[in-house]
Amino acid sequence: MKCSDTISIEWLPLSLFDAHSQFVLIFRNVCLDVGICGDTLRVTQTNIDGLRSSVEFGSEIELEIFLKLTIRREL
């Protein structure tokens, strides 16, 4: 199977009451725990060896670019 070179991320609109949300994205050997708390988007990544790293973003555009780069590295 051949995968397209285009990675598309679509965001669902959040209501004002969803200022605290969390989801997990797992792709191949990457596990990302994404938390939204007000205006802060925090990603905690756990690699296959159990090592963890964390980074914060100030906008969904920054987070989207990070997600695309992380997924592209795994391809």
PDB file of N, CA and C in Angstrom:
ATOM      1  N   MET A   1       0.837  -1.183   0.000  1.00  0.00           N
ATOM      2  CA  MET A   1       0.000   0.000   0.000  1.00  0.00           C
ATOM      3  C   MET A   1       0.879   1.243   0.000  1.00  0.00           C
ATOM      4  N   LYS A   2       0.450   2.227  -0.741  1.00  0.00           N
ATOM      5  CA  LYS A   2       1.174   3.497  -0.783  1.00  0.00           C
ATOM      6  C   LYS A   2       0.340   4.550  -0.082  1.00  0.00           C
ATOM      7  N   CYS A   3       0.993   5.313   0.728  1.00  0.00           N
ATOM      8  CA  CYS A   3       0.321   6.361   1.482  1.00  0.00           C
ATOM      9  C   CYS A   3       0.518   7.696   0.772  1.00  0.00           C
ATOM     10  N   SER A   4      -0.495   8.514   0.778  1.00  0.00           N
ATOM     11  CA  SER A   4      -0.413   9.835   0.177  1.00  0.00           C
ATOM     12  C   SER A   4       0.598  10.692   0.929  1.00  0.00           C
ATOM     13  N   ASP A   5       1.240  11.625   0.219  1.00  0.00           N
ATOM     14  CA  ASP A   5       2.193  12.533   0.861  1.00  0.00           C
ATOM     15  C   ASP A   5       1.507  13.641   1.640  1.00  0.00           C
ATOM     16  N   THR A   6       0.209  13.764   1.485  1.00  0.00           N
ATOM     17  CA  THR A   6      -0.527  14.833   2.144  1.00  0.00           C
ATOM     18  C   THR A   6      -1.047  14.362   3.490  1.00  0.00           C
ATOM     19  N   ILE A   7      -0.723  15.118   4.521  1.00  0.00           N
ATOM     20  CA  ILE A   7      -1.246  14.844   5.859  1.00  0.00           C
ATOM     21  C   ILE A   7      -2.255  15.934   6.167  1.00  0.00           C
ATOM     22  N   SER A   8      -3.458  15.534   6.460  1.00  0.00           N
ATOM     23  CA  SER A   8      -4.522  16.494   6.719  1.00  0.00           C
ATOM     24  C   SER A   8      -5.007  16.344   8.154  1.00  0.00           C
ATOM     25  N   ILE A   9      -5.073  17.463   8.860  1.00  0.00           N
ATOM     26  CA  ILE A   9      -5.581  17.477  10.226  1.00  0.00           C
ATOM     27  C   ILE A   9      -6.794  18.385  10.251  1.00  0.00           C
ATOM     28  N   GLU A  10      -7.913  17.862  10.683  1.00  0.00           N
ATOM     29  CA  GLU A  10      -9.133  18.642  10.759  1.00  0.00           C
ATOM     30  C   GLU A  10      -9.536  18.774  12.219  1.00  0.00           C
ATOM     31  N   TRP A  11      -9.791  20.009  12.643  1.00  0.00           N
ATOM     32  CA  TRP A  11     -10.168  20.282  14.012  1.00  0.00           C
ATOM     33  C   TRP A  11     -11.671  20.438  14.108  1.00  0.00           C
ATOM     34  N   LEU A  12     -12.258  19.809  15.092  1.00  0.00           N
ATOM     35  CA  LEU A  12     -13.670  20.002  15.372  1.00  0.00           C
ATOM     36  C   LEU A  12     -13.818  21.231  16.249  1.00  0.00           C
ATOM     37  N   PRO A  13     -14.858  22.020  16.046  1.00  0.00           N
ATOM     38  CA  PRO A  13     -15.020  23.214  16.877  1.00  0.00           C
ATOM     39  C   PRO A  13     -15.315  22.827  18.326  1.00  0.00           C
ATOM     40  N   LEU A  14     -14.714  23.562  19.244  1.00  0.00           N
ATOM     41  CA  LEU A  14     -14.947  23.337  20.665  1.00  0.00           C
ATOM     42  C   LEU A  14     -15.835  24.447  21.197  1.00  0.00           C
ATOM     43  N   SER A  15     -16.749  24.093  22.056  1.00  0.00           N
ATOM     44  CA  SER A  15     -17.596  25.115  22.667  1.00  0.00           C
ATOM     45  C   SER A  15     -16.822  25.789  23.792  1.00  0.00           C
ATOM     46  N   LEU A  16     -17.372  26.839  24.338  1.00  0.00           N
ATOM     47  CA  LEU A  16     -16.723  27.544  25.440  1.00  0.00           C
ATOM     48  C   LEU A  16     -16.556  26.661  26.663  1.00  0.00           C
ATOM     49  N   PHE A  17     -17.362  25.613  26.769  1.00  0.00           N
ATOM     50  CA  PHE A  17     -17.314  24.737  27.936  1.00  0.00           C
ATOM     51  C   PHE A  17     -16.253  23.653  27.802  1.00  0.00           C
ATOM     52  N   ASP A  18     -15.591  23.559  26.638  1.00  0.00           N
ATOM     53  CA  ASP A  18     -14.577  22.541  26.408  1.00  0.00           C
ATOM     54  C   ASP A  18     -13.167  23.103  26.534  1.00  0.00           C
ATOM     55  N   ALA A  19     -12.972  24.034  27.441  1.00  0.00           N
ATOM     56  CA  ALA A  19     -11.656  24.659  27.605  1.00  0.00           C
ATOM     57  C   ALA A  19     -10.639  23.689  28.213  1.00  0.00           C
ATOM     58  N   HIS A  20     -11.116  22.566  28.738  1.00  0.00           N
ATOM     59  CA  HIS A  20     -10.239  21.553  29.309  1.00  0.00           C
ATOM     60  C   HIS A  20     -10.548  20.237  28.624  1.00  0.00           C
ATOM     61  N   SER A  21      -9.741  19.891  27.630  1.00  0.00           N
ATOM     62  CA  SER A  21      -9.944  18.666  26.857  1.00  0.00           C
ATOM     63  C   SER A  21      -8.631  17.902  26.780  1.00  0.00           C
ATOM     64  N   GLN A  22      -8.753  16.616  26.464  1.00  0.00           N
ATOM     65  CA  GLN A  22      -7.570  15.781  26.345  1.00  0.00           C
ATOM     66  C   GLN A  22      -7.837  14.671  25.351  1.00  0.00           C
ATOM     67  N   PHE A  23      -6.802  14.339  24.552  1.00  0.00           N
ATOM     68  CA  PHE A  23      -6.904  13.193  23.660  1.00  0.00           C
ATOM     69  C   PHE A  23      -5.524  12.584  23.474  1.00  0.00           C
ATOM     70  N   VAL A  24      -5.511  11.347  23.031  1.00  0.00           N
ATOM     71  CA  VAL A  24      -4.266  10.623  22.791  1.00  0.00           C
ATOM     72  C   VAL A  24      -4.206  10.264  21.318  1.00  0.00           C
ATOM     73  N   LEU A  25      -3.049  10.509  20.714  1.00  0.00           N
ATOM     74  CA  LEU A  25      -2.810  10.157  19.322  1.00  0.00           C
ATOM     75  C   LEU A  25      -1.704   9.120  19.287  1.00  0.00           C
ATOM     76  N   ILE A  26      -1.996   7.957  18.734  1.00  0.00           N
ATOM     77  CA  ILE A  26      -0.998   6.895  18.605  1.00  0.00           C
ATOM     78  C   ILE A  26      -0.828   6.597  17.129  1.00  0.00           C
ATOM     79  N   PHE A  27       0.413   6.689  16.661  1.00  0.00           N
ATOM     80  CA  PHE A  27       0.726   6.401  15.263  1.00  0.00           C
ATOM     81  C   PHE A  27       2.062   5.686  15.221  1.00  0.00           C
ATOM     82  N   ARG A  28       2.041   4.442  14.773  1.00  0.00           N
ATOM     83  CA  ARG A  28       3.231   3.591  14.742  1.00  0.00           C
ATOM     84  C   ARG A  28       3.906   3.573  16.115  1.00  0.00           C
ATOM     85  N   ASN A  29       5.126   4.093  16.226  1.00  0.00           N
ATOM     86  CA  ASN A  29       5.848   4.071  17.514  1.00  0.00           C
ATOM     87  C   ASN A  29       5.706   5.359  18.308  1.00  0.00           C
ATOM     88  N   VAL A  30       4.806   6.237  17.883  1.00  0.00           N
ATOM     89  CA  VAL A  30       4.633   7.533  18.548  1.00  0.00           C
ATOM     90  C   VAL A  30       3.348   7.526  19.360  1.00  0.00           C
ATOM     91  N   CYS A  31       3.450   7.939  20.605  1.00  0.00           N
ATOM     92  CA  CYS A  31       2.274   8.093  21.464  1.00  0.00           C
ATOM     93  C   CYS A  31       2.290   9.516  22.003  1.00  0.00           C
ATOM     94  N   LEU A  32       1.271  10.306  21.608  1.00  0.00           N
ATOM     95  CA  LEU A  32       1.177  11.703  22.030  1.00  0.00           C
ATOM     96  C   LEU A  32      -0.059  11.893  22.885  1.00  0.00           C
ATOM     97  N   ASP A  33       0.149  12.456  24.055  1.00  0.00           N
ATOM     98  CA  ASP A  33      -0.935  12.805  24.962  1.00  0.00           C
ATOM     99  C   ASP A  33      -1.115  14.313  24.854  1.00  0.00           C
ATOM    100  N   VAL A  34      -2.240  14.759  24.286  1.00  0.00           N
ATOM    101  CA  VAL A  34      -2.474  16.180  24.037  1.00  0.00           C
ATOM    102  C   VAL A  34      -3.506  16.688  25.026  1.00  0.00           C
ATOM    103  N   GLY A  35      -3.150  17.746  25.734  1.00  0.00           N
ATOM    104  CA  GLY A  35      -4.062  18.357  26.682  1.00  0.00           C
ATOM    105  C   GLY A  35      -4.300  19.815  26.341  1.00  0.00           C
ATOM    106  N   ILE A  36      -5.562  20.242  26.400  1.00  0.00           N
ATOM    107  CA  ILE A  36      -5.932  21.627  26.149  1.00  0.00           C
ATOM    108  C   ILE A  36      -6.465  22.190  27.456  1.00  0.00           C
ATOM    109  N   CYS A  37      -5.821  23.237  27.924  1.00  0.00           N
ATOM    110  CA  CYS A  37      -6.241  23.888  29.165  1.00  0.00           C
ATOM    111  C   CYS A  37      -6.270  25.385  28.911  1.00  0.00           C
ATOM    112  N   GLY A  38      -7.457  25.906  28.630  1.00  0.00           N
ATOM    113  CA  GLY A  38      -7.586  27.321  28.289  1.00  0.00           C
ATOM    114  C   GLY A  38      -6.896  27.611  26.977  1.00  0.00           C
ATOM    115  N   ASP A  39      -5.925  28.518  26.992  1.00  0.00           N
ATOM    116  CA  ASP A  39      -5.188  28.885  25.783  1.00  0.00           C
ATOM    117  C   ASP A  39      -3.908  28.082  25.604  1.00  0.00           C
ATOM    118  N   THR A  40      -3.643  27.135  26.474  1.00  0.00           N
ATOM    119  CA  THR A  40      -2.405  26.365  26.421  1.00  0.00           C
ATOM    120  C   THR A  40      -2.666  24.971  25.873  1.00  0.00           C
ATOM    121  N   LEU A  41      -1.869  24.584  24.896  1.00  0.00           N
ATOM    122  CA  LEU A  41      -1.927  23.242  24.319  1.00  0.00           C
ATOM    123  C   LEU A  41      -0.632  22.546  24.699  1.00  0.00           C
ATOM    124  N   ARG A  42      -0.714  21.471  25.465  1.00  0.00           N
ATOM    125  CA  ARG A  42       0.479  20.755  25.922  1.00  0.00           C
ATOM    126  C   ARG A  42       0.481  19.354  25.320  1.00  0.00           C
ATOM    127  N   VAL A  43       1.648  18.969  24.767  1.00  0.00           N
ATOM    128  CA  VAL A  43       1.827  17.627  24.216  1.00  0.00           C
ATOM    129  C   VAL A  43       2.905  16.925  25.018  1.00  0.00           C
ATOM    130  N   THR A  44       2.569  15.756  25.519  1.00  0.00           N
ATOM    131  CA  THR A  44       3.540  14.901  26.187  1.00  0.00           C
ATOM    132  C   THR A  44       3.738  13.677  25.314  1.00  0.00           C
ATOM    133  N   GLN A  45       4.989  13.436  24.931  1.00  0.00           N
ATOM    134  CA  GLN A  45       5.299  12.329  24.040  1.00  0.00           C
ATOM    135  C   GLN A  45       6.044  11.254  24.798  1.00  0.00           C
ATOM    136  N   THR A  46       5.606  10.024  24.623  1.00  0.00           N
ATOM    137  CA  THR A  46       6.276   8.872  25.217  1.00  0.00           C
ATOM    138  C   THR A  46       6.814   8.018  24.079  1.00  0.00           C
ATOM    139  N   ASN A  47       8.127   7.770  24.078  1.00  0.00           N
ATOM    140  CA  ASN A  47       8.683   6.956  22.998  1.00  0.00           C
ATOM    141  C   ASN A  47       8.675   5.479  23.386  1.00  0.00           C
ATOM    142  N   ILE A  48       9.164   4.661  22.489  1.00  0.00           N
ATOM    143  CA  ILE A  48       9.104   3.204  22.675  1.00  0.00           C
ATOM    144  C   ILE A  48       9.928   2.742  23.876  1.00  0.00           C
ATOM    145  N   ASP A  49      10.939   3.535  24.285  1.00  0.00           N
ATOM    146  CA  ASP A  49      11.770   3.192  25.438  1.00  0.00           C
ATOM    147  C   ASP A  49      11.188   3.703  26.756  1.00  0.00           C
ATOM    148  N   GLY A  50      10.023   4.372  26.674  1.00  0.00           N
ATOM    149  CA  GLY A  50       9.385   4.893  27.871  1.00  0.00           C
ATOM    150  C   GLY A  50       9.843   6.284  28.272  1.00  0.00           C
ATOM    151  N   LEU A  51      10.713   6.896  27.464  1.00  0.00           N
ATOM    152  CA  LEU A  51      11.174   8.255  27.756  1.00  0.00           C
ATOM    153  C   LEU A  51      10.075   9.244  27.409  1.00  0.00           C
ATOM    154  N   ARG A  52       9.917  10.267  28.263  1.00  0.00           N
ATOM    155  CA  ARG A  52       8.846  11.239  28.060  1.00  0.00           C
ATOM    156  C   ARG A  52       9.430  12.627  27.836  1.00  0.00           C
ATOM    157  N   SER A  53       8.779  13.380  26.958  1.00  0.00           N
ATOM    158  CA  SER A  53       9.126  14.787  26.763  1.00  0.00           C
ATOM    159  C   SER A  53       7.823  15.561  26.617  1.00  0.00           C
ATOM    160  N   SER A  54       7.883  16.845  26.947  1.00  0.00           N
ATOM    161  CA  SER A  54       6.676  17.652  26.934  1.00  0.00           C
ATOM    162  C   SER A  54       6.976  19.004  26.300  1.00  0.00           C
ATOM    163  N   VAL A  55       5.997  19.530  25.563  1.00  0.00           N
ATOM    164  CA  VAL A  55       6.141  20.833  24.927  1.00  0.00           C
ATOM    165  C   VAL A  55       4.788  21.534  24.939  1.00  0.00           C
ATOM    166  N   GLU A  56       4.810  22.874  25.034  1.00  0.00           N
ATOM    167  CA  GLU A  56       3.576  23.654  25.043  1.00  0.00           C
ATOM    168  C   GLU A  56       3.495  24.509  23.790  1.00  0.00           C
ATOM    169  N   PHE A  57       2.267  24.733  23.314  1.00  0.00           N
ATOM    170  CA  PHE A  57       2.017  25.556  22.140  1.00  0.00           C
ATOM    171  C   PHE A  57       0.987  26.615  22.491  1.00  0.00           C
ATOM    172  N   GLY A  58       1.081  27.757  21.816  1.00  0.00           N
ATOM    173  CA  GLY A  58       0.160  28.852  22.073  1.00  0.00           C
ATOM    174  C   GLY A  58      -0.985  28.935  21.093  1.00  0.00           C
ATOM    175  N   SER A  59      -0.956  28.105  20.035  1.00  0.00           N
ATOM    176  CA  SER A  59      -2.044  28.129  19.051  1.00  0.00           C
ATOM    177  C   SER A  59      -2.213  26.750  18.422  1.00  0.00           C
ATOM    178  N   GLU A  60      -3.387  26.531  17.848  1.00  0.00           N
ATOM    179  CA  GLU A  60      -3.646  25.250  17.188  1.00  0.00           C
ATOM    180  C   GLU A  60      -2.810  25.097  15.924  1.00  0.00           C
ATOM    181  N   ILE A  61      -2.395  26.208  15.298  1.00  0.00           N
ATOM    182  CA  ILE A  61      -1.539  26.146  14.110  1.00  0.00           C
ATOM    183  C   ILE A  61      -0.170  25.565  14.480  1.00  0.00           C
ATOM    184  N   GLU A  62       0.407  26.034  15.591  1.00  0.00           N
ATOM    185  CA  GLU A  62       1.688  25.494  16.055  1.00  0.00           C
ATOM    186  C   GLU A  62       1.566  24.006  16.359  1.00  0.00           C
ATOM    187  N   LEU A  63       0.489  23.629  17.018  1.00  0.00           N
ATOM    188  CA  LEU A  63       0.270  22.214  17.341  1.00  0.00           C
ATOM    189  C   LEU A  63       0.111  21.401  16.065  1.00  0.00           C
ATOM    190  N   GLU A  64      -0.622  21.902  15.104  1.00  0.00           N
ATOM    191  CA  GLU A  64      -0.837  21.188  13.843  1.00  0.00           C
ATOM    192  C   GLU A  64       0.481  20.960  13.109  1.00  0.00           C
ATOM    193  N   ILE A  65       1.339  21.965  13.067  1.00  0.00           N
ATOM    194  CA  ILE A  65       2.643  21.818  12.410  1.00  0.00           C
ATOM    195  C   ILE A  65       3.479  20.763  13.132  1.00  0.00           C
ATOM    196  N   PHE A  66       3.472  20.789  14.454  1.00  0.00           N
ATOM    197  CA  PHE A  66       4.196  19.789  15.240  1.00  0.00           C
ATOM    198  C   PHE A  66       3.683  18.379  14.940  1.00  0.00           C
ATOM    199  N   LEU A  67       2.360  18.210  14.907  1.00  0.00           N
ATOM    200  CA  LEU A  67       1.779  16.895  14.631  1.00  0.00           C
ATOM    201  C   LEU A  67       2.159  16.404  13.246  1.00  0.00           C
ATOM    202  N   LYS A  68       2.089  17.284  12.250  1.00  0.00           N
ATOM    203  CA  LYS A  68       2.451  16.898  10.876  1.00  0.00           C
ATOM    204  C   LYS A  68       3.910  16.475  10.786  1.00  0.00           C
ATOM    205  N   LEU A  69       4.813  17.231  11.426  1.00  0.00           N
ATOM    206  CA  LEU A  69       6.237  16.883  11.396  1.00  0.00           C
ATOM    207  C   LEU A  69       6.502  15.566  12.119  1.00  0.00           C
ATOM    208  N   THR A  70       5.842  15.358  13.236  1.00  0.00           N
ATOM    209  CA  THR A  70       6.029  14.116  14.000  1.00  0.00           C
ATOM    210  C   THR A  70       5.545  12.909  13.201  1.00  0.00           C
ATOM    211  N   ILE A  71       4.379  13.017  12.581  1.00  0.00           N
ATOM    212  CA  ILE A  71       3.842  11.906  11.784  1.00  0.00           C
ATOM    213  C   ILE A  71       4.710  11.669  10.548  1.00  0.00           C
ATOM    214  N   ARG A  72       5.139  12.748   9.893  1.00  0.00           N
ATOM    215  CA  ARG A  72       5.976  12.605   8.707  1.00  0.00           C
ATOM    216  C   ARG A  72       7.297  11.886   9.030  1.00  0.00           C
ATOM    217  N   ARG A  73       7.872  12.175  10.229  1.00  0.00           N
ATOM    218  CA  ARG A  73       9.103  11.481  10.630  1.00  0.00           C
ATOM    219  C   ARG A  73       8.871   9.980  10.754  1.00  0.00           C
ATOM    220  N   GLU A  74       7.700   9.580  11.198  1.00  0.00           N
ATOM    221  CA  GLU A  74       7.395   8.157  11.362  1.00  0.00           C
ATOM    222  C   GLU A  74       7.146   7.451  10.026  1.00  0.00           C
ATOM    223  N   LEU A  75       6.758   8.226   9.023  1.00  0.00           N
ATOM    224  CA  LEU A  75       6.531   7.615   7.703  1.00  0.00           C
ATOM    225  C   LEU A  75       7.856   7.322   7.059  1.00  0.00           C
TER     226      LEU A  75
END
